[in-house]
N, C-alpha and C. Protein backbone atom coordinates (compact mmCIF):
# COMPACT_ATOMS: atom_id res chain seq x y z
N PRO A 1 -7.47 -1.42 17.54
CA PRO A 1 -6.30 -1.01 16.78
C PRO A 1 -5.92 -2.03 15.70
N VAL A 2 -5.32 -1.52 14.64
CA VAL A 2 -4.86 -2.38 13.55
C VAL A 2 -3.88 -3.43 14.09
N ALA A 3 -3.05 -3.03 15.05
CA ALA A 3 -2.03 -3.94 15.59
C ALA A 3 -2.62 -5.17 16.26
N ASP A 4 -3.88 -5.13 16.65
CA ASP A 4 -4.53 -6.32 17.21
C ASP A 4 -4.64 -7.42 16.16
N TYR A 5 -4.75 -7.03 14.90
CA TYR A 5 -4.90 -7.98 13.79
C TYR A 5 -3.58 -8.20 13.05
N TRP A 6 -2.71 -7.20 13.09
CA TRP A 6 -1.45 -7.21 12.35
C TRP A 6 -0.36 -6.65 13.27
N PRO A 7 0.21 -7.49 14.14
CA PRO A 7 1.17 -7.03 15.15
C PRO A 7 2.33 -6.20 14.60
N ALA A 8 2.84 -6.52 13.43
CA ALA A 8 3.97 -5.78 12.87
C ALA A 8 3.62 -4.31 12.61
N PHE A 9 2.36 -4.01 12.46
CA PHE A 9 1.92 -2.64 12.19
C PHE A 9 2.21 -1.70 13.36
N ALA A 10 2.36 -2.25 14.55
CA ALA A 10 2.57 -1.43 15.75
C ALA A 10 3.92 -0.72 15.78
N ALA A 11 4.82 -1.06 14.87
CA ALA A 11 6.15 -0.44 14.85
C ALA A 11 6.08 1.07 14.71
N ASN A 12 7.07 1.72 15.27
CA ASN A 12 7.24 3.18 15.14
C ASN A 12 6.06 4.00 15.63
N GLY A 13 5.47 3.57 16.75
CA GLY A 13 4.43 4.35 17.39
C GLY A 13 3.04 4.23 16.79
N LYS A 14 2.79 3.20 15.99
CA LYS A 14 1.47 3.06 15.35
C LYS A 14 0.55 2.12 16.11
N ALA A 15 0.92 1.69 17.31
CA ALA A 15 0.14 0.70 18.06
C ALA A 15 -1.30 1.14 18.30
N GLY A 16 -1.54 2.43 18.41
CA GLY A 16 -2.88 2.92 18.70
C GLY A 16 -3.73 3.27 17.49
N VAL A 17 -3.19 3.14 16.29
CA VAL A 17 -3.93 3.50 15.07
C VAL A 17 -5.10 2.52 14.90
N THR A 18 -6.28 3.07 14.75
CA THR A 18 -7.47 2.22 14.60
C THR A 18 -7.70 1.85 13.14
N VAL A 19 -8.49 0.81 12.97
CA VAL A 19 -8.87 0.39 11.61
C VAL A 19 -9.60 1.53 10.92
N ARG A 20 -10.46 2.22 11.65
CA ARG A 20 -11.21 3.35 11.09
C ARG A 20 -10.26 4.43 10.58
N GLU A 21 -9.26 4.80 11.39
CA GLU A 21 -8.30 5.82 10.97
C GLU A 21 -7.54 5.37 9.72
N LEU A 22 -7.15 4.11 9.69
CA LEU A 22 -6.41 3.59 8.54
C LEU A 22 -7.27 3.62 7.28
N MET A 23 -8.50 3.15 7.38
CA MET A 23 -9.38 3.08 6.22
C MET A 23 -9.82 4.46 5.73
N ARG A 24 -9.82 5.43 6.62
CA ARG A 24 -10.19 6.80 6.24
C ARG A 24 -8.98 7.65 5.86
N HIS A 25 -7.84 7.00 5.75
CA HIS A 25 -6.59 7.69 5.38
C HIS A 25 -6.26 8.79 6.38
N ARG A 26 -6.46 8.51 7.66
CA ARG A 26 -6.19 9.48 8.72
C ARG A 26 -5.12 8.97 9.69
N ALA A 27 -4.36 7.98 9.26
CA ALA A 27 -3.35 7.37 10.13
C ALA A 27 -2.00 8.09 10.05
N GLY A 28 -1.85 9.02 9.14
CA GLY A 28 -0.60 9.77 9.01
C GLY A 28 0.53 9.00 8.36
N LEU A 29 0.20 8.07 7.49
CA LEU A 29 1.23 7.27 6.82
C LEU A 29 1.65 7.93 5.52
N SER A 30 2.51 8.91 5.63
CA SER A 30 2.93 9.66 4.44
C SER A 30 4.19 9.11 3.79
N GLN A 31 4.82 8.11 4.39
CA GLN A 31 6.08 7.60 3.86
C GLN A 31 5.91 6.76 2.60
N LEU A 32 4.70 6.55 2.15
CA LEU A 32 4.50 5.80 0.92
C LEU A 32 4.55 6.69 -0.30
N ASN A 33 4.73 7.98 -0.10
CA ASN A 33 4.86 8.90 -1.23
C ASN A 33 6.04 8.47 -2.09
N GLY A 34 5.88 8.58 -3.38
CA GLY A 34 6.95 8.26 -4.30
C GLY A 34 7.01 6.80 -4.71
N ALA A 35 6.06 5.99 -4.25
CA ALA A 35 6.04 4.58 -4.65
C ALA A 35 5.67 4.49 -6.13
N THR A 36 6.34 3.60 -6.82
CA THR A 36 6.03 3.40 -8.23
C THR A 36 4.77 2.56 -8.37
N ARG A 37 4.21 2.53 -9.55
CA ARG A 37 3.01 1.72 -9.80
C ARG A 37 3.31 0.24 -9.51
N ALA A 38 4.48 -0.21 -9.94
CA ALA A 38 4.86 -1.61 -9.71
C ALA A 38 4.96 -1.91 -8.21
N GLU A 39 5.51 -0.96 -7.45
CA GLU A 39 5.61 -1.14 -6.00
C GLU A 39 4.23 -1.17 -5.37
N LEU A 40 3.34 -0.30 -5.80
CA LEU A 40 1.99 -0.27 -5.25
C LEU A 40 1.24 -1.57 -5.50
N MET A 41 1.57 -2.25 -6.58
CA MET A 41 0.90 -3.51 -6.92
C MET A 41 1.54 -4.72 -6.24
N ASP A 42 2.65 -4.52 -5.57
CA ASP A 42 3.35 -5.61 -4.89
C ASP A 42 2.83 -5.70 -3.45
N HIS A 43 1.90 -6.61 -3.22
CA HIS A 43 1.22 -6.73 -1.94
C HIS A 43 2.19 -6.91 -0.77
N ARG A 44 3.14 -7.79 -0.91
CA ARG A 44 4.08 -8.05 0.19
C ARG A 44 4.97 -6.83 0.47
N LEU A 45 5.41 -6.17 -0.56
CA LEU A 45 6.22 -4.97 -0.38
C LEU A 45 5.42 -3.89 0.34
N MET A 46 4.17 -3.69 -0.05
CA MET A 46 3.34 -2.68 0.60
C MET A 46 3.07 -3.03 2.06
N GLU A 47 2.89 -4.31 2.37
CA GLU A 47 2.74 -4.73 3.78
C GLU A 47 3.97 -4.32 4.57
N GLN A 48 5.15 -4.60 4.01
CA GLN A 48 6.40 -4.26 4.69
C GLN A 48 6.54 -2.76 4.88
N ARG A 49 6.23 -2.00 3.84
CA ARG A 49 6.39 -0.54 3.92
C ARG A 49 5.39 0.08 4.89
N LEU A 50 4.15 -0.42 4.90
CA LEU A 50 3.15 0.10 5.84
C LEU A 50 3.54 -0.24 7.27
N ALA A 51 4.00 -1.45 7.50
CA ALA A 51 4.40 -1.84 8.85
C ALA A 51 5.58 -1.01 9.34
N ALA A 52 6.51 -0.70 8.45
CA ALA A 52 7.71 0.05 8.83
C ALA A 52 7.49 1.56 8.91
N ALA A 53 6.42 2.04 8.34
CA ALA A 53 6.16 3.50 8.28
C ALA A 53 6.02 4.10 9.66
């Protein structure tokens, strides 16, 4: 699971999401919709949003 490498990612029921699911866009992380280009380029902000999703 991604959470083995990035513990904060386990929030909100994502503890079982595998690296494969994440890389294949099959993790169900739809809360990033509506992000601006500037937000997408902000690495730390995207880490926070992915972990909180």
